[in-house]
Amino acid sequence: MSDPRRRGPGQGPDRPTPQEIHAAMVPGRCYVAADLVAEFGKQYEGSERTVRQGLDELVAEGRIVRSAHADGTVTYRRTD
């Protein structure tokens, strides 16, 4: 069965997985989405939307916490 994250034969995945996003986050550190978009932008093209989707999925799974701040900033932190 083919991996839906692969673009074609011999090409790597075109977006980070939620597991890769989680692994890139240091426990106890707060991140804004742009931090992770910048990190994965080095490896993947057009990763902004998928990084945000991955963060939402990790929040839903309880693996990270999303915090909205009074100044409108939203941060994410690993729960472990």
PDB file of N, CA and C in Angstrom:
ATOM      1  N   MET A   1       0.855  -1.178   0.000  1.00  0.00           N
ATOM      2  CA  MET A   1       0.000   0.000   0.000  1.00  0.00           C
ATOM      3  C   MET A   1       0.893   1.231   0.000  1.00  0.00           C
ATOM      4  N   SER A   2       0.540   2.239  -0.743  1.00  0.00           N
ATOM      5  CA  SER A   2       1.373   3.434  -0.842  1.00  0.00           C
ATOM      6  C   SER A   2       1.104   4.375   0.331  1.00  0.00           C
ATOM      7  N   ASP A   3       2.124   5.153   0.654  1.00  0.00           N
ATOM      8  CA  ASP A   3       2.038   6.130   1.723  1.00  0.00           C
ATOM      9  C   ASP A   3       1.450   7.416   1.138  1.00  0.00           C
ATOM     10  N   PRO A   4       0.316   7.913   1.660  1.00  0.00           N
ATOM     11  CA  PRO A   4      -0.310   9.104   1.085  1.00  0.00           C
ATOM     12  C   PRO A   4       0.521  10.362   1.257  1.00  0.00           C
ATOM     13  N   ARG A   5       1.543  10.322   2.115  1.00  0.00           N
ATOM     14  CA  ARG A   5       2.398  11.492   2.309  1.00  0.00           C
ATOM     15  C   ARG A   5       3.477  11.592   1.236  1.00  0.00           C
ATOM     16  N   ARG A   6       3.606  10.611   0.385  1.00  0.00           N
ATOM     17  CA  ARG A   6       4.653  10.618  -0.630  1.00  0.00           C
ATOM     18  C   ARG A   6       4.125  11.217  -1.931  1.00  0.00           C
ATOM     19  N   ARG A   7       4.956  12.047  -2.549  1.00  0.00           N
ATOM     20  CA  ARG A   7       4.547  12.737  -3.775  1.00  0.00           C
ATOM     21  C   ARG A   7       4.617  11.839  -4.990  1.00  0.00           C
ATOM     22  N   GLY A   8       5.543  10.947  -5.036  1.00  0.00           N
ATOM     23  CA  GLY A   8       5.702  10.093  -6.203  1.00  0.00           C
ATOM     24  C   GLY A   8       6.880   9.160  -5.995  1.00  0.00           C
ATOM     25  N   PRO A   9       7.126   8.296  -6.949  1.00  0.00           N
ATOM     26  CA  PRO A   9       8.209   7.339  -6.811  1.00  0.00           C
ATOM     27  C   PRO A   9       9.551   8.038  -6.579  1.00  0.00           C
ATOM     28  N   GLY A  10      10.237   7.604  -5.514  1.00  0.00           N
ATOM     29  CA  GLY A  10      11.563   8.117  -5.228  1.00  0.00           C
ATOM     30  C   GLY A  10      11.609   9.463  -4.539  1.00  0.00           C
ATOM     31  N   GLN A  11      10.444  10.084  -4.302  1.00  0.00           N
ATOM     32  CA  GLN A  11      10.423  11.374  -3.626  1.00  0.00           C
ATOM     33  C   GLN A  11      10.005  11.184  -2.185  1.00  0.00           C
ATOM     34  N   GLY A  12      10.537  12.018  -1.312  1.00  0.00           N
ATOM     35  CA  GLY A  12      10.221  11.925   0.111  1.00  0.00           C
ATOM     36  C   GLY A  12       8.862  12.504   0.437  1.00  0.00           C
ATOM     37  N   PRO A  13       8.455  12.433   1.699  1.00  0.00           N
ATOM     38  CA  PRO A  13       7.174  13.012   2.104  1.00  0.00           C
ATOM     39  C   PRO A  13       7.184  14.516   1.892  1.00  0.00           C
ATOM     40  N   ASP A  14       6.025  15.087   1.577  1.00  0.00           N
ATOM     41  CA  ASP A  14       5.960  16.514   1.285  1.00  0.00           C
ATOM     42  C   ASP A  14       5.471  17.349   2.462  1.00  0.00           C
ATOM     43  N   ARG A  15       5.253  16.733   3.602  1.00  0.00           N
ATOM     44  CA  ARG A  15       4.813  17.487   4.778  1.00  0.00           C
ATOM     45  C   ARG A  15       5.200  16.742   6.053  1.00  0.00           C
ATOM     46  N   PRO A  16       5.386  17.483   7.143  1.00  0.00           N
ATOM     47  CA  PRO A  16       5.733  16.833   8.404  1.00  0.00           C
ATOM     48  C   PRO A  16       4.524  16.129   9.010  1.00  0.00           C
ATOM     49  N   THR A  17       4.766  15.037   9.675  1.00  0.00           N
ATOM     50  CA  THR A  17       3.698  14.322  10.371  1.00  0.00           C
ATOM     51  C   THR A  17       3.538  14.914  11.768  1.00  0.00           C
ATOM     52  N   PRO A  18       2.388  14.694  12.417  1.00  0.00           N
ATOM     53  CA  PRO A  18       2.249  15.149  13.800  1.00  0.00           C
ATOM     54  C   PRO A  18       3.345  14.573  14.707  1.00  0.00           C
ATOM     55  N   GLN A  19       3.760  13.342  14.449  1.00  0.00           N
ATOM     56  CA  GLN A  19       4.810  12.722  15.249  1.00  0.00           C
ATOM     57  C   GLN A  19       6.142  13.462  15.086  1.00  0.00           C
ATOM     58  N   GLU A  20       6.441  13.903  13.867  1.00  0.00           N
ATOM     59  CA  GLU A  20       7.664  14.672  13.631  1.00  0.00           C
ATOM     60  C   GLU A  20       7.592  16.036  14.320  1.00  0.00           C
ATOM     61  N   ILE A  21       6.428  16.636  14.289  1.00  0.00           N
ATOM     62  CA  ILE A  21       6.238  17.930  14.953  1.00  0.00           C
ATOM     63  C   ILE A  21       6.450  17.759  16.454  1.00  0.00           C
ATOM     64  N   HIS A  22       5.832  16.740  17.034  1.00  0.00           N
ATOM     65  CA  HIS A  22       5.966  16.472  18.466  1.00  0.00           C
ATOM     66  C   HIS A  22       7.431  16.231  18.826  1.00  0.00           C
ATOM     67  N   ALA A  23       8.124  15.451  18.028  1.00  0.00           N
ATOM     68  CA  ALA A  23       9.527  15.136  18.291  1.00  0.00           C
ATOM     69  C   ALA A  23      10.421  16.373  18.207  1.00  0.00           C
ATOM     70  N   ALA A  24      10.045  17.342  17.391  1.00  0.00           N
ATOM     71  CA  ALA A  24      10.840  18.562  17.239  1.00  0.00           C
ATOM     72  C   ALA A  24      10.666  19.516  18.419  1.00  0.00           C
ATOM     73  N   MET A  25       9.627  19.312  19.215  1.00  0.00           N
ATOM     74  CA  MET A  25       9.344  20.204  20.337  1.00  0.00           C
ATOM     75  C   MET A  25      10.096  19.734  21.583  1.00  0.00           C
ATOM     76  N   VAL A  26      10.781  20.666  22.233  1.00  0.00           N
ATOM     77  CA  VAL A  26      11.508  20.377  23.476  1.00  0.00           C
ATOM     78  C   VAL A  26      10.517  20.454  24.635  1.00  0.00           C
ATOM     79  N   PRO A  27      10.437  19.412  25.470  1.00  0.00           N
ATOM     80  CA  PRO A  27       9.514  19.465  26.609  1.00  0.00           C
ATOM     81  C   PRO A  27       9.774  20.697  27.484  1.00  0.00           C
ATOM     82  N   GLY A  28       8.685  21.362  27.891  1.00  0.00           N
ATOM     83  CA  GLY A  28       8.777  22.519  28.761  1.00  0.00           C
ATOM     84  C   GLY A  28       8.952  23.844  28.033  1.00  0.00           C
ATOM     85  N   ARG A  29       9.267  23.818  26.762  1.00  0.00           N
ATOM     86  CA  ARG A  29       9.432  25.050  25.988  1.00  0.00           C
ATOM     87  C   ARG A  29       8.121  25.398  25.300  1.00  0.00           C
ATOM     88  N   CYS A  30       7.772  26.669  25.285  1.00  0.00           N
ATOM     89  CA  CYS A  30       6.586  27.134  24.564  1.00  0.00           C
ATOM     90  C   CYS A  30       6.979  27.533  23.153  1.00  0.00           C
ATOM     91  N   TYR A  31       6.135  27.187  22.207  1.00  0.00           N
ATOM     92  CA  TYR A  31       6.353  27.490  20.795  1.00  0.00           C
ATOM     93  C   TYR A  31       5.159  28.241  20.247  1.00  0.00           C
ATOM     94  N   VAL A  32       5.409  29.162  19.338  1.00  0.00           N
ATOM     95  CA  VAL A  32       4.339  29.679  18.494  1.00  0.00           C
ATOM     96  C   VAL A  32       4.417  28.855  17.214  1.00  0.00           C
ATOM     97  N   ALA A  33       3.333  28.783  16.482  1.00  0.00           N
ATOM     98  CA  ALA A  33       3.309  27.952  15.277  1.00  0.00           C
ATOM     99  C   ALA A  33       4.424  28.333  14.307  1.00  0.00           C
ATOM    100  N   ALA A  34       4.743  29.623  14.230  1.00  0.00           N
ATOM    101  CA  ALA A  34       5.779  30.087  13.304  1.00  0.00           C
ATOM    102  C   ALA A  34       7.143  29.468  13.612  1.00  0.00           C
ATOM    103  N   ASP A  35       7.419  29.166  14.885  1.00  0.00           N
ATOM    104  CA  ASP A  35       8.685  28.512  15.236  1.00  0.00           C
ATOM    105  C   ASP A  35       8.809  27.170  14.528  1.00  0.00           C
ATOM    106  N   LEU A  36       7.724  26.415  14.546  1.00  0.00           N
ATOM    107  CA  LEU A  36       7.741  25.082  13.950  1.00  0.00           C
ATOM    108  C   LEU A  36       7.623  25.139  12.442  1.00  0.00           C
ATOM    109  N   VAL A  37       6.906  26.117  11.941  1.00  0.00           N
ATOM    110  CA  VAL A  37       6.839  26.300  10.485  1.00  0.00           C
ATOM    111  C   VAL A  37       8.240  26.588   9.959  1.00  0.00           C
ATOM    112  N   ALA A  38       8.986  27.441  10.660  1.00  0.00           N
ATOM    113  CA  ALA A  38      10.367  27.757  10.251  1.00  0.00           C
ATOM    114  C   ALA A  38      11.244  26.512  10.310  1.00  0.00           C
ATOM    115  N   GLU A  39      11.071  25.719  11.343  1.00  0.00           N
ATOM    116  CA  GLU A  39      11.860  24.490  11.488  1.00  0.00           C
ATOM    117  C   GLU A  39      11.608  23.523  10.333  1.00  0.00           C
ATOM    118  N   PHE A  40      10.347  23.300  10.005  1.00  0.00           N
ATOM    119  CA  PHE A  40      10.021  22.336   8.968  1.00  0.00           C
ATOM    120  C   PHE A  40      10.098  22.912   7.569  1.00  0.00           C
ATOM    121  N   GLY A  41      10.079  24.225   7.457  1.00  0.00           N
ATOM    122  CA  GLY A  41      10.242  24.858   6.151  1.00  0.00           C
ATOM    123  C   GLY A  41      11.592  24.544   5.530  1.00  0.00           C
ATOM    124  N   LYS A  42      12.555  24.174   6.370  1.00  0.00           N
ATOM    125  CA  LYS A  42      13.879  23.786   5.882  1.00  0.00           C
ATOM    126  C   LYS A  42      13.828  22.430   5.173  1.00  0.00           C
ATOM    127  N   GLN A  43      12.887  21.593   5.582  1.00  0.00           N
ATOM    128  CA  GLN A  43      12.795  20.228   5.047  1.00  0.00           C
ATOM    129  C   GLN A  43      11.681  20.042   4.028  1.00  0.00           C
ATOM    130  N   TYR A  44      10.605  20.786   4.191  1.00  0.00           N
ATOM    131  CA  TYR A  44       9.405  20.578   3.378  1.00  0.00           C
ATOM    132  C   TYR A  44       8.961  21.893   2.765  1.00  0.00           C
ATOM    133  N   GLU A  45       8.430  21.839   1.575  1.00  0.00           N
ATOM    134  CA  GLU A  45       7.857  23.024   0.952  1.00  0.00           C
ATOM    135  C   GLU A  45       6.389  23.151   1.361  1.00  0.00           C
ATOM    136  N   GLY A  46       5.931  24.361   1.560  1.00  0.00           N
ATOM    137  CA  GLY A  46       4.512  24.588   1.848  1.00  0.00           C
ATOM    138  C   GLY A  46       4.027  23.924   3.111  1.00  0.00           C
ATOM    139  N   SER A  47       4.813  23.970   4.175  1.00  0.00           N
ATOM    140  CA  SER A  47       4.487  23.217   5.379  1.00  0.00           C
ATOM    141  C   SER A  47       3.604  23.965   6.373  1.00  0.00           C
ATOM    142  N   GLU A  48       3.339  25.248   6.168  1.00  0.00           N
ATOM    143  CA  GLU A  48       2.631  26.032   7.179  1.00  0.00           C
ATOM    144  C   GLU A  48       1.273  25.431   7.557  1.00  0.00           C
ATOM    145  N   ARG A  49       0.470  25.131   6.583  1.00  0.00           N
ATOM    146  CA  ARG A  49      -0.863  24.591   6.877  1.00  0.00           C
ATOM    147  C   ARG A  49      -0.775  23.231   7.561  1.00  0.00           C
ATOM    148  N   THR A  50       0.125  22.374   7.104  1.00  0.00           N
ATOM    149  CA  THR A  50       0.199  21.043   7.698  1.00  0.00           C
ATOM    150  C   THR A  50       0.802  21.083   9.095  1.00  0.00           C
ATOM    151  N   VAL A  51       1.708  22.038   9.366  1.00  0.00           N
ATOM    152  CA  VAL A  51       2.221  22.181  10.731  1.00  0.00           C
ATOM    153  C   VAL A  51       1.074  22.595  11.647  1.00  0.00           C
ATOM    154  N   ARG A  52       0.279  23.533  11.218  1.00  0.00           N
ATOM    155  CA  ARG A  52      -0.860  23.970  12.041  1.00  0.00           C
ATOM    156  C   ARG A  52      -1.871  22.831  12.234  1.00  0.00           C
ATOM    157  N   GLN A  53      -2.117  22.058  11.196  1.00  0.00           N
ATOM    158  CA  GLN A  53      -3.020  20.901  11.321  1.00  0.00           C
ATOM    159  C   GLN A  53      -2.424  19.867  12.278  1.00  0.00           C
ATOM    160  N   GLY A  54      -1.119  19.646  12.170  1.00  0.00           N
ATOM    161  CA  GLY A  54      -0.453  18.708  13.074  1.00  0.00           C
ATOM    162  C   GLY A  54      -0.534  19.164  14.522  1.00  0.00           C
ATOM    163  N   LEU A  55      -0.366  20.460  14.758  1.00  0.00           N
ATOM    164  CA  LEU A  55      -0.494  20.993  16.116  1.00  0.00           C
ATOM    165  C   LEU A  55      -1.909  20.782  16.642  1.00  0.00           C
ATOM    166  N   ASP A  56      -2.910  21.052  15.815  1.00  0.00           N
ATOM    167  CA  ASP A  56      -4.301  20.836  16.225  1.00  0.00           C
ATOM    168  C   ASP A  56      -4.556  19.370  16.572  1.00  0.00           C
ATOM    169  N   GLU A  57      -3.997  18.472  15.772  1.00  0.00           N
ATOM    170  CA  GLU A  57      -4.167  17.039  16.035  1.00  0.00           C
ATOM    171  C   GLU A  57      -3.497  16.647  17.356  1.00  0.00           C
ATOM    172  N   LEU A  58      -2.309  17.166  17.598  1.00  0.00           N
ATOM    173  CA  LEU A  58      -1.601  16.862  18.847  1.00  0.00           C
ATOM    174  C   LEU A  58      -2.342  17.418  20.061  1.00  0.00           C
ATOM    175  N   VAL A  59      -2.969  18.586  19.918  1.00  0.00           N
ATOM    176  CA  VAL A  59      -3.783  19.155  20.995  1.00  0.00           C
ATOM    177  C   VAL A  59      -4.961  18.230  21.267  1.00  0.00           C
ATOM    178  N   ALA A  60      -5.648  17.785  20.215  1.00  0.00           N
ATOM    179  CA  ALA A  60      -6.810  16.903  20.362  1.00  0.00           C
ATOM    180  C   ALA A  60      -6.435  15.581  21.034  1.00  0.00           C
ATOM    181  N   GLU A  61      -5.224  15.102  20.766  1.00  0.00           N
ATOM    182  CA  GLU A  61      -4.742  13.855  21.380  1.00  0.00           C
ATOM    183  C   GLU A  61      -4.250  14.059  22.807  1.00  0.00           C
ATOM    184  N   GLY A  62      -4.113  15.319  23.241  1.00  0.00           N
ATOM    185  CA  GLY A  62      -3.627  15.609  24.584  1.00  0.00           C
ATOM    186  C   GLY A  62      -2.114  15.518  24.721  1.00  0.00           C
ATOM    187  N   ARG A  63      -1.404  15.498  23.603  1.00  0.00           N
ATOM    188  CA  ARG A  63       0.054  15.376  23.645  1.00  0.00           C
ATOM    189  C   ARG A  63       0.739  16.728  23.785  1.00  0.00           C
ATOM    190  N   ILE A  64       0.023  17.803  23.417  1.00  0.00           N
ATOM    191  CA  ILE A  64       0.514  19.161  23.639  1.00  0.00           C
ATOM    192  C   ILE A  64      -0.645  20.007  24.149  1.00  0.00           C
ATOM    193  N   VAL A  65      -0.303  21.152  24.749  1.00  0.00           N
ATOM    194  CA  VAL A  65      -1.299  22.075  25.283  1.00  0.00           C
ATOM    195  C   VAL A  65      -1.249  23.361  24.470  1.00  0.00           C
ATOM    196  N   ARG A  66      -2.405  23.858  24.103  1.00  0.00           N
ATOM    197  CA  ARG A  66      -2.536  25.135  23.382  1.00  0.00           C
ATOM    198  C   ARG A  66      -2.979  26.184  24.383  1.00  0.00           C
ATOM    199  N   SER A  67      -2.282  27.326  24.408  1.00  0.00           N
ATOM    200  CA  SER A  67      -2.634  28.415  25.310  1.00  0.00           C
ATOM    201  C   SER A  67      -2.804  29.703  24.513  1.00  0.00           C
ATOM    202  N   ALA A  68      -3.951  30.345  24.685  1.00  0.00           N
ATOM    203  CA  ALA A  68      -4.200  31.646  24.054  1.00  0.00           C
ATOM    204  C   ALA A  68      -3.897  32.721  25.097  1.00  0.00           C
ATOM    205  N   HIS A  69      -3.169  33.755  24.690  1.00  0.00           N
ATOM    206  CA  HIS A  69      -2.749  34.808  25.602  1.00  0.00           C
ATOM    207  C   HIS A  69      -3.515  36.094  25.328  1.00  0.00           C
ATOM    208  N   ALA A  70      -3.515  36.995  26.289  1.00  0.00           N
ATOM    209  CA  ALA A  70      -4.272  38.243  26.187  1.00  0.00           C
ATOM    210  C   ALA A  70      -3.862  39.091  24.986  1.00  0.00           C
ATOM    211  N   ASP A  71      -2.604  38.996  24.578  1.00  0.00           N
ATOM    212  CA  ASP A  71      -2.138  39.798  23.441  1.00  0.00           C
ATOM    213  C   ASP A  71      -2.461  39.166  22.087  1.00  0.00           C
ATOM    214  N   GLY A  72      -3.185  38.048  22.113  1.00  0.00           N
ATOM    215  CA  GLY A  72      -3.576  37.372  20.876  1.00  0.00           C
ATOM    216  C   GLY A  72      -2.631  36.283  20.439  1.00  0.00           C
ATOM    217  N   THR A  73      -1.515  36.142  21.113  1.00  0.00           N
ATOM    218  CA  THR A  73      -0.544  35.102  20.787  1.00  0.00           C
ATOM    219  C   THR A  73      -1.077  33.740  21.247  1.00  0.00           C
ATOM    220  N   VAL A  74      -0.811  32.721  20.444  1.00  0.00           N
ATOM    221  CA  VAL A  74      -1.166  31.351  20.822  1.00  0.00           C
ATOM    222  C   VAL A  74       0.151  30.570  20.905  1.00  0.00           C
ATOM    223  N   THR A  75       0.342  29.875  22.037  1.00  0.00           N
ATOM    224  CA  THR A  75       1.546  29.067  22.202  1.00  0.00           C
ATOM    225  C   THR A  75       1.162  27.602  22.396  1.00  0.00           C
ATOM    226  N   TYR A  76       2.136  26.748  22.108  1.00  0.00           N
ATOM    227  CA  TYR A  76       1.971  25.296  22.224  1.00  0.00           C
ATOM    228  C   TYR A  76       3.127  24.755  23.065  1.00  0.00           C
ATOM    229  N   ARG A  77       2.810  23.779  23.933  1.00  0.00           N
ATOM    230  CA  ARG A  77       3.831  23.182  24.800  1.00  0.00           C
ATOM    231  C   ARG A  77       3.546  21.695  24.951  1.00  0.00           C
ATOM    232  N   ARG A  78       4.620  20.894  24.887  1.00  0.00           N
ATOM    233  CA  ARG A  78       4.473  19.461  25.125  1.00  0.00           C
ATOM    234  C   ARG A  78       4.021  19.213  26.563  1.00  0.00           C
ATOM    235  N   THR A  79       3.226  18.182  26.747  1.00  0.00           N
ATOM    236  CA  THR A  79       2.720  17.882  28.090  1.00  0.00           C
ATOM    237  C   THR A  79       3.626  16.947  28.863  1.00  0.00           C
ATOM    238  N   ASP A  80       4.643  16.381  28.223  1.00  0.00           N
ATOM    239  CA  ASP A  80       5.541  15.468  28.940  1.00  0.00           C
ATOM    240  C   ASP A  80       6.802  16.151  29.419  1.00  0.00           C
TER     241      ASP A  80
END
